[in-house]
N, C-alpha and C. Protein backbone atom coordinates (compact mmCIF):
# COMPACT_ATOMS: atom_id res chain seq x y z
N UNK A 1 140.88 85.55 48.88
CA UNK A 1 141.71 84.42 49.26
C UNK A 1 140.85 83.16 49.46
N UNK A 2 139.68 83.34 50.06
CA UNK A 2 138.79 82.20 50.25
C UNK A 2 138.36 81.61 48.92
N UNK A 3 138.04 82.48 47.96
CA UNK A 3 137.63 82.01 46.64
C UNK A 3 138.76 81.25 45.95
N UNK A 4 139.98 81.75 46.09
CA UNK A 4 141.14 81.08 45.50
C UNK A 4 141.33 79.70 46.14
N UNK A 5 141.23 79.64 47.46
CA UNK A 5 141.37 78.36 48.16
C UNK A 5 140.31 77.37 47.70
N UNK A 6 139.08 77.84 47.54
CA UNK A 6 138.00 76.95 47.10
C UNK A 6 138.23 76.48 45.67
N UNK A 7 138.74 77.35 44.83
CA UNK A 7 139.05 76.96 43.44
C UNK A 7 140.14 75.89 43.42
N UNK A 8 141.18 76.08 44.23
CA UNK A 8 142.25 75.08 44.31
C UNK A 8 141.73 73.76 44.88
N UNK A 9 140.85 73.86 45.86
CA UNK A 9 140.26 72.65 46.43
C UNK A 9 139.42 71.93 45.38
N UNK A 10 138.66 72.67 44.56
CA UNK A 10 137.89 72.06 43.48
C UNK A 10 138.81 71.28 42.54
N UNK A 11 139.93 71.89 42.17
CA UNK A 11 140.87 71.22 41.28
C UNK A 11 141.44 69.96 41.93
N UNK A 12 141.76 70.07 43.22
CA UNK A 12 142.31 68.92 43.96
C UNK A 12 141.28 67.79 44.02
N UNK A 13 140.05 68.10 44.35
CA UNK A 13 139.00 67.09 44.43
C UNK A 13 138.79 66.44 43.07
N UNK A 14 138.78 67.23 42.00
CA UNK A 14 138.61 66.68 40.65
C UNK A 14 139.76 65.74 40.30
N UNK A 15 140.98 66.09 40.68
CA UNK A 15 142.14 65.24 40.42
C UNK A 15 142.02 63.93 41.22
N UNK A 16 141.63 64.04 42.47
CA UNK A 16 141.44 62.84 43.30
C UNK A 16 140.35 61.95 42.71
N UNK A 17 139.27 62.56 42.22
CA UNK A 17 138.18 61.78 41.64
C UNK A 17 138.64 61.01 40.42
N UNK A 18 139.51 61.61 39.62
CA UNK A 18 140.05 60.88 38.46
C UNK A 18 140.81 59.64 38.91
N UNK A 19 141.59 59.77 39.97
CA UNK A 19 142.32 58.61 40.50
C UNK A 19 141.37 57.54 41.03
N UNK A 20 140.35 57.96 41.75
CA UNK A 20 139.36 57.01 42.27
C UNK A 20 138.64 56.32 41.11
N UNK A 21 138.31 57.06 40.08
CA UNK A 21 137.65 56.47 38.92
C UNK A 21 138.53 55.39 38.28
N UNK A 22 139.83 55.66 38.17
CA UNK A 22 140.75 54.66 37.60
C UNK A 22 140.78 53.41 38.47
N UNK A 23 140.88 53.59 39.80
CA UNK A 23 140.90 52.42 40.69
C UNK A 23 139.60 51.65 40.61
N UNK A 24 138.47 52.35 40.53
CA UNK A 24 137.18 51.65 40.42
C UNK A 24 137.10 50.85 39.12
N UNK A 25 137.69 51.35 38.04
CA UNK A 25 137.70 50.58 36.79
C UNK A 25 138.51 49.29 36.97
N UNK A 26 139.64 49.37 37.66
CA UNK A 26 140.45 48.17 37.92
C UNK A 26 139.66 47.19 38.79
N UNK A 27 139.01 47.70 39.82
CA UNK A 27 138.22 46.85 40.72
C UNK A 27 137.11 46.14 39.94
N UNK A 28 136.40 46.87 39.08
CA UNK A 28 135.34 46.26 38.27
C UNK A 28 135.89 45.19 37.33
N UNK A 29 137.04 45.49 36.70
CA UNK A 29 137.64 44.50 35.77
C UNK A 29 137.95 43.19 36.47
N UNK A 30 138.24 43.26 37.76
CA UNK A 30 138.57 42.05 38.52
C UNK A 30 137.33 41.43 39.17
N UNK A 31 136.16 41.95 38.87
CA UNK A 31 134.93 41.36 39.36
C UNK A 31 134.68 41.52 40.84
N UNK A 32 135.29 42.52 41.44
CA UNK A 32 135.11 42.77 42.87
C UNK A 32 133.91 43.69 43.06
N UNK A 33 133.02 43.29 43.96
CA UNK A 33 131.77 44.03 44.16
C UNK A 33 131.95 45.10 45.23
N UNK A 34 132.69 46.12 44.91
CA UNK A 34 132.85 47.27 45.81
C UNK A 34 133.20 48.48 44.97
N UNK A 35 133.03 49.64 45.54
CA UNK A 35 133.36 50.87 44.84
C UNK A 35 133.96 51.86 45.82
N UNK A 36 135.05 52.47 45.44
CA UNK A 36 135.67 53.51 46.25
C UNK A 36 134.97 54.83 45.99
N UNK A 37 134.84 55.65 47.04
CA UNK A 37 134.22 56.97 46.91
C UNK A 37 135.03 57.97 47.73
N UNK A 38 135.11 59.16 47.22
CA UNK A 38 135.70 60.24 48.00
C UNK A 38 134.71 60.66 49.07
N UNK A 39 135.21 61.07 50.24
CA UNK A 39 134.28 61.60 51.24
C UNK A 39 133.79 62.99 50.83
N UNK A 40 132.72 63.40 51.44
CA UNK A 40 132.20 64.76 51.23
C UNK A 40 133.31 65.76 51.56
N UNK A 41 133.34 66.86 50.86
CA UNK A 41 134.42 67.85 51.06
C UNK A 41 134.40 68.45 52.46
N UNK A 42 133.32 68.31 53.21
CA UNK A 42 133.26 68.81 54.57
C UNK A 42 133.71 67.81 55.62
N UNK A 43 133.99 66.57 55.21
CA UNK A 43 134.37 65.52 56.15
C UNK A 43 135.74 65.80 56.78
N UNK A 44 135.78 65.76 58.10
CA UNK A 44 137.02 65.86 58.88
C UNK A 44 137.83 67.11 58.54
N UNK A 45 137.17 68.24 58.48
CA UNK A 45 137.83 69.50 58.18
C UNK A 45 138.16 70.24 59.46
N UNK A 46 139.33 70.83 59.52
CA UNK A 46 139.74 71.61 60.68
C UNK A 46 139.77 73.10 60.39
N UNK A 47 139.71 73.46 59.10
CA UNK A 47 139.71 74.87 58.70
C UNK A 47 138.65 75.08 57.63
N UNK A 48 138.32 76.31 57.40
CA UNK A 48 137.38 76.64 56.33
C UNK A 48 135.93 76.58 56.77
N UNK A 49 135.04 76.54 55.78
CA UNK A 49 133.61 76.62 56.02
C UNK A 49 133.07 75.49 56.88
N UNK A 50 133.70 74.33 56.88
CA UNK A 50 133.19 73.17 57.60
C UNK A 50 133.89 72.93 58.94
N UNK A 51 134.79 73.81 59.31
CA UNK A 51 135.62 73.58 60.50
C UNK A 51 134.82 73.38 61.77
N UNK A 52 133.73 74.06 61.92
CA UNK A 52 132.95 73.99 63.16
C UNK A 52 131.88 72.89 63.11
N UNK A 53 131.77 72.19 61.99
CA UNK A 53 130.74 71.17 61.83
C UNK A 53 131.34 69.78 61.90
N UNK A 54 130.51 68.84 62.26
CA UNK A 54 130.88 67.42 62.19
C UNK A 54 130.11 66.86 61.00
N UNK A 55 130.84 66.51 59.94
CA UNK A 55 130.23 66.05 58.70
C UNK A 55 130.68 64.61 58.45
N UNK A 56 129.71 63.74 58.18
CA UNK A 56 130.01 62.34 57.90
C UNK A 56 130.61 62.22 56.49
N UNK A 57 131.21 61.08 56.17
CA UNK A 57 131.77 60.92 54.82
C UNK A 57 130.73 61.10 53.71
N UNK A 58 129.46 60.80 54.01
CA UNK A 58 128.43 60.96 52.98
C UNK A 58 127.80 62.35 52.98
N UNK A 59 128.32 63.26 53.82
CA UNK A 59 127.89 64.65 53.79
C UNK A 59 126.82 65.04 54.79
N UNK A 60 126.40 64.12 55.65
CA UNK A 60 125.41 64.47 56.67
C UNK A 60 126.08 65.22 57.81
N UNK A 61 125.43 66.25 58.30
CA UNK A 61 125.90 66.92 59.52
C UNK A 61 125.42 66.08 60.68
N UNK A 62 126.35 65.66 61.54
CA UNK A 62 126.03 64.76 62.64
C UNK A 62 126.36 65.43 63.97
N UNK A 63 125.80 64.90 65.02
CA UNK A 63 126.07 65.42 66.36
C UNK A 63 127.48 65.01 66.80
N UNK A 64 127.97 65.68 67.81
CA UNK A 64 129.28 65.33 68.36
C UNK A 64 129.26 63.88 68.86
N UNK A 65 128.15 63.47 69.45
CA UNK A 65 128.04 62.10 69.98
C UNK A 65 128.14 61.07 68.85
N UNK A 66 127.43 61.33 67.73
CA UNK A 66 127.52 60.39 66.61
C UNK A 66 128.92 60.40 66.00
N UNK A 67 129.50 61.58 65.88
CA UNK A 67 130.87 61.68 65.36
C UNK A 67 131.83 60.84 66.21
N UNK A 68 131.75 61.03 67.53
CA UNK A 68 132.64 60.29 68.43
C UNK A 68 132.42 58.78 68.33
N UNK A 69 131.15 58.37 68.22
CA UNK A 69 130.84 56.94 68.15
C UNK A 69 131.30 56.32 66.83
N UNK A 70 131.21 57.05 65.73
CA UNK A 70 131.50 56.49 64.41
C UNK A 70 132.90 56.80 63.90
N UNK A 71 133.61 57.66 64.61
CA UNK A 71 134.96 58.05 64.17
C UNK A 71 135.86 56.84 63.88
N UNK A 72 135.86 55.79 64.73
CA UNK A 72 136.73 54.64 64.42
C UNK A 72 136.35 53.91 63.12
N UNK A 73 135.12 54.07 62.66
CA UNK A 73 134.72 53.48 61.38
C UNK A 73 135.17 54.36 60.22
N UNK A 74 135.30 55.64 60.47
CA UNK A 74 135.57 56.59 59.40
C UNK A 74 137.04 56.97 59.25
N UNK A 75 137.77 56.94 60.33
CA UNK A 75 139.17 57.40 60.32
C UNK A 75 140.06 56.34 60.96
N UNK A 76 141.34 56.35 60.63
CA UNK A 76 142.26 55.37 61.23
C UNK A 76 142.27 55.48 62.76
N UNK A 77 142.30 54.33 63.40
CA UNK A 77 142.39 54.26 64.86
C UNK A 77 143.87 54.25 65.26
N UNK A 78 144.17 54.41 66.53
CA UNK A 78 145.57 54.28 66.96
C UNK A 78 146.17 52.92 66.56
N UNK A 79 145.39 51.84 66.65
CA UNK A 79 145.90 50.53 66.22
C UNK A 79 146.20 50.52 64.72
N UNK A 80 145.35 51.16 63.94
CA UNK A 80 145.60 51.27 62.50
C UNK A 80 146.91 52.02 62.25
N UNK A 81 147.13 53.10 62.98
CA UNK A 81 148.35 53.89 62.81
C UNK A 81 149.59 53.06 63.14
N UNK A 82 149.51 52.25 64.20
CA UNK A 82 150.64 51.38 64.57
C UNK A 82 150.91 50.38 63.45
N UNK A 83 149.84 49.79 62.91
CA UNK A 83 150.00 48.82 61.82
C UNK A 83 150.64 49.47 60.60
N UNK A 84 150.14 50.63 60.20
CA UNK A 84 150.73 51.34 59.05
C UNK A 84 152.19 51.65 59.32
N UNK A 85 152.49 52.11 60.53
CA UNK A 85 153.88 52.38 60.89
C UNK A 85 154.75 51.15 60.76
N UNK A 86 154.21 49.98 61.09
CA UNK A 86 155.00 48.74 60.99
C UNK A 86 155.31 48.39 59.55
N UNK A 87 154.49 48.85 58.61
CA UNK A 87 154.73 48.59 57.19
C UNK A 87 155.81 49.51 56.62
N UNK A 88 155.92 50.68 57.20
CA UNK A 88 156.80 51.71 56.66
C UNK A 88 158.23 51.55 57.18
N UNK A 89 158.87 50.47 56.78
CA UNK A 89 160.25 50.24 57.19
C UNK A 89 161.17 50.62 56.03
N UNK A 90 162.29 51.19 56.37
CA UNK A 90 163.24 51.62 55.34
C UNK A 90 163.89 50.41 54.68
N UNK A 91 164.01 50.48 53.37
CA UNK A 91 164.73 49.48 52.59
C UNK A 91 165.70 50.27 51.73
N UNK A 92 166.99 50.11 51.98
CA UNK A 92 167.97 50.93 51.27
C UNK A 92 168.94 50.11 50.42
N UNK A 93 168.81 48.79 50.41
CA UNK A 93 169.71 47.96 49.63
C UNK A 93 169.31 48.03 48.15
N UNK A 94 170.30 48.27 47.27
CA UNK A 94 169.99 48.29 45.83
C UNK A 94 169.33 46.96 45.42
N UNK A 95 168.26 47.08 44.61
CA UNK A 95 167.57 45.90 44.12
C UNK A 95 166.51 45.35 45.04
N UNK A 96 166.37 45.89 46.24
CA UNK A 96 165.33 45.44 47.17
C UNK A 96 164.26 46.52 47.27
N UNK A 97 163.04 46.09 47.62
CA UNK A 97 161.90 47.01 47.68
C UNK A 97 161.13 46.78 48.96
N UNK A 98 160.55 47.84 49.48
CA UNK A 98 159.72 47.73 50.66
C UNK A 98 158.56 46.80 50.37
N UNK A 99 158.11 46.08 51.41
CA UNK A 99 157.05 45.10 51.24
C UNK A 99 155.70 45.69 50.88
N UNK A 100 155.53 46.99 51.04
CA UNK A 100 154.24 47.61 50.78
C UNK A 100 154.12 48.21 49.39
N UNK A 101 155.15 48.00 48.54
CA UNK A 101 155.05 48.45 47.15
C UNK A 101 155.41 47.29 46.23
N UNK A 102 154.89 47.33 45.03
CA UNK A 102 155.24 46.31 44.03
C UNK A 102 156.52 46.75 43.33
N UNK A 103 157.45 45.83 43.13
CA UNK A 103 158.65 46.19 42.39
C UNK A 103 158.29 46.61 40.96
N UNK A 104 159.03 47.58 40.42
CA UNK A 104 158.75 47.98 39.04
C UNK A 104 159.15 46.87 38.07
N UNK A 105 158.59 46.93 36.88
CA UNK A 105 158.89 45.93 35.86
C UNK A 105 160.34 46.04 35.37
N UNK A 106 160.89 47.25 35.43
CA UNK A 106 162.28 47.47 34.98
C UNK A 106 162.83 48.69 35.70
N UNK A 107 164.13 48.83 35.67
CA UNK A 107 164.77 49.96 36.33
C UNK A 107 164.57 51.26 35.56
N UNK A 108 164.85 52.35 36.22
CA UNK A 108 164.72 53.67 35.63
C UNK A 108 165.77 53.84 34.52
N UNK A 109 165.34 54.37 33.39
CA UNK A 109 166.23 54.61 32.24
C UNK A 109 167.00 53.35 31.83
N UNK A 110 166.36 52.19 31.96
CA UNK A 110 166.99 50.95 31.53
C UNK A 110 168.07 50.43 32.46
N UNK A 111 168.26 51.07 33.60
CA UNK A 111 169.27 50.60 34.54
C UNK A 111 168.83 49.25 35.13
N UNK A 112 169.79 48.43 35.57
CA UNK A 112 169.40 47.19 36.22
C UNK A 112 168.67 47.46 37.54
N UNK A 113 167.87 46.52 37.97
CA UNK A 113 167.09 46.71 39.20
C UNK A 113 167.98 46.98 40.41
N UNK A 114 169.15 46.37 40.45
CA UNK A 114 170.03 46.53 41.61
C UNK A 114 170.93 47.77 41.53
N UNK A 115 170.69 48.62 40.51
CA UNK A 115 171.47 49.84 40.34
C UNK A 115 171.29 50.74 41.57
N UNK A 116 172.37 51.30 42.07
CA UNK A 116 172.30 52.18 43.24
C UNK A 116 171.98 53.60 42.74
N UNK A 117 170.69 53.94 42.69
CA UNK A 117 170.24 55.22 42.16
C UNK A 117 170.60 56.37 43.08
N UNK A 118 170.64 56.12 44.37
CA UNK A 118 170.92 57.16 45.35
C UNK A 118 172.07 56.70 46.22
N UNK A 119 173.08 57.52 46.35
CA UNK A 119 174.20 57.22 47.24
C UNK A 119 173.81 57.67 48.64
N UNK A 120 173.87 56.78 49.59
CA UNK A 120 173.43 57.09 50.94
C UNK A 120 174.57 57.52 51.85
N UNK A 121 175.75 57.70 51.32
CA UNK A 121 176.89 58.08 52.13
C UNK A 121 176.75 59.45 52.76
N UNK A 122 177.39 59.64 53.88
CA UNK A 122 177.44 60.94 54.55
C UNK A 122 178.91 61.31 54.69
N UNK A 123 179.20 62.57 55.01
CA UNK A 123 180.60 63.03 55.01
C UNK A 123 181.56 62.17 55.82
N UNK A 124 181.13 61.54 56.93
CA UNK A 124 182.06 60.76 57.74
C UNK A 124 182.25 59.34 57.20
N UNK A 125 181.62 59.04 56.07
CA UNK A 125 181.77 57.73 55.46
C UNK A 125 180.74 56.70 55.90
N UNK A 126 179.92 57.04 56.90
CA UNK A 126 178.88 56.12 57.34
C UNK A 126 177.75 56.15 56.33
N UNK A 127 177.39 54.98 55.79
CA UNK A 127 176.35 54.95 54.76
C UNK A 127 174.94 54.81 55.37
N UNK A 128 174.81 54.82 56.67
CA UNK A 128 173.51 54.76 57.30
C UNK A 128 172.92 53.37 57.40
N UNK A 129 173.68 52.37 56.94
CA UNK A 129 173.16 50.99 56.98
C UNK A 129 173.64 50.24 58.21
N UNK A 130 174.45 50.85 59.04
CA UNK A 130 174.92 50.19 60.25
C UNK A 130 175.96 49.13 60.00
N UNK A 131 176.64 49.19 58.88
CA UNK A 131 177.67 48.18 58.56
C UNK A 131 179.05 48.72 58.90
């Protein structure tokens, strides 16, 4: 079972790396001097071979003190979580899009952008929009 999990993790990491490579190509095309990198596979693990270790994103085993001191640089802080939560607001009106995504160039299957793809009604007739 451990070998199977590691094989699946290898596939997952390889898939993630392909996505990171695509984003890095876009970043380079726009002349931005930065590069995205995946963290070491042991970073922030709660199960498996690395569960008992504190591993930095670059793969160094660090002390608990260094982990605690650098955690806010490596992982989202409570303030970050609040900010992300503020972005994740529901948008259910046909033709409107959440502010954190780019609208598509065209509707699905040639439908107009304001097409109601999903009916939000419930059995009592309340559509969940508070109207």
